[in-house]
Amino acid sequence: RKETKDRIDEERKHQTEACIVRIMKDRKHMTHNDLINEVTRQLASRFQPNPMNIKKRIEGLIEREYLERCEDRKSYNYLA
């Protein structure tokens, strides 16, 4: 049971990150709310992502230098 849930959570993390990168690669620059809404919309057919989990994935991508937070602190630029 727990292994299955952990595996699903891990898979969803990767799906969420891949979705964020795809969107940002296409758009180059987006506000936080627009990005959250677009990720939620695109992943809705697979699962209902939690906005806090999306935010954690965005933070992880910023740490790994796929994205950068803009000076206004409300939007992101694609870097990779």
Protein backbone atom coordinates (compact mmCIF):
# COMPACT_ATOMS: atom_id res chain seq x y z
CA ARG A 1 0.00 0.00 0.00
CA LYS A 2 2.57 2.58 1.11
CA GLU A 3 5.00 1.62 -1.66
CA THR A 4 2.25 2.11 -4.24
CA LYS A 5 1.34 5.53 -2.85
CA ASP A 6 5.02 6.56 -2.75
CA ARG A 7 5.50 5.39 -6.34
CA ILE A 8 2.41 7.31 -7.50
CA ASP A 9 3.56 10.45 -5.63
CA GLU A 10 6.99 10.20 -7.25
CA GLU A 11 5.47 9.71 -10.70
CA ARG A 12 3.20 12.72 -10.19
CA LYS A 13 6.19 14.86 -9.17
CA HIS A 14 7.89 14.00 -12.46
CA GLN A 15 4.71 14.58 -14.49
CA THR A 16 4.21 17.96 -12.79
CA GLU A 17 7.81 19.05 -13.41
CA ALA A 18 7.67 17.91 -17.04
CA CYS A 19 4.44 19.86 -17.51
CA ILE A 20 5.92 23.03 -15.96
CA VAL A 21 9.02 22.78 -18.17
CA ARG A 22 6.93 22.20 -21.33
CA ILE A 23 4.74 25.22 -20.58
CA MET A 24 7.65 27.50 -19.69
CA LYS A 25 9.70 26.37 -22.69
CA ASP A 26 6.81 27.41 -24.90
CA ARG A 27 5.87 30.67 -23.12
CA LYS A 28 9.33 31.77 -21.81
CA HIS A 29 7.75 34.06 -19.16
CA MET A 30 4.63 33.56 -17.01
CA THR A 31 3.08 34.85 -13.82
CA HIS A 32 2.81 32.45 -10.88
CA ASN A 33 -0.99 32.25 -11.02
CA ASP A 34 -1.09 31.71 -14.79
CA LEU A 35 1.48 28.93 -14.49
CA ILE A 36 -0.41 27.20 -11.65
CA ASN A 37 -3.67 27.42 -13.63
CA GLU A 38 -2.11 26.10 -16.84
CA VAL A 39 -0.38 23.18 -15.07
CA THR A 40 -3.65 22.30 -13.30
CA ARG A 41 -5.56 22.46 -16.60
CA GLN A 42 -3.05 20.29 -18.47
CA LEU A 43 -2.77 17.65 -15.74
CA ALA A 44 -6.51 17.50 -14.96
CA SER A 45 -7.03 14.50 -17.27
CA ARG A 46 -4.42 12.48 -15.31
CA PHE A 47 -4.92 13.68 -11.72
CA GLN A 48 -5.94 16.80 -9.78
CA PRO A 49 -2.66 18.48 -8.78
CA ASN A 50 -2.46 20.34 -5.49
CA PRO A 51 -1.30 23.99 -5.95
CA MET A 52 1.15 23.58 -3.03
CA ASN A 53 2.75 20.59 -4.76
CA ILE A 54 3.02 22.58 -8.00
CA LYS A 55 4.71 25.38 -6.05
CA LYS A 56 7.20 22.87 -4.55
CA ARG A 57 8.00 21.58 -8.05
CA ILE A 58 8.53 25.17 -9.27
CA GLU A 59 10.92 25.76 -6.36
CA GLY A 60 12.81 22.59 -7.28
CA LEU A 61 13.13 23.74 -10.89
CA ILE A 62 14.39 27.15 -9.72
CA GLU A 63 17.04 25.41 -7.56
CA ARG A 64 18.11 23.30 -10.55
CA GLU A 65 18.20 26.44 -12.73
CA TYR A 66 15.45 25.52 -15.18
CA LEU A 67 13.51 28.62 -14.11
CA GLU A 68 14.28 31.90 -12.41
CA ARG A 69 12.01 34.05 -10.30
CA CYS A 70 11.59 37.57 -11.68
CA GLU A 71 12.31 40.65 -9.60
CA ASP A 72 8.58 41.26 -9.07
CA ARG A 73 8.55 37.87 -7.19
CA LYS A 74 5.26 37.03 -8.95
CA SER A 75 6.51 35.62 -12.25
CA TYR A 76 9.10 33.26 -13.73
CA ASN A 77 11.44 33.11 -16.73
CA TYR A 78 12.51 29.91 -18.49
CA LEU A 79 16.30 29.40 -18.46
CA ALA A 80 17.26 25.89 -19.63
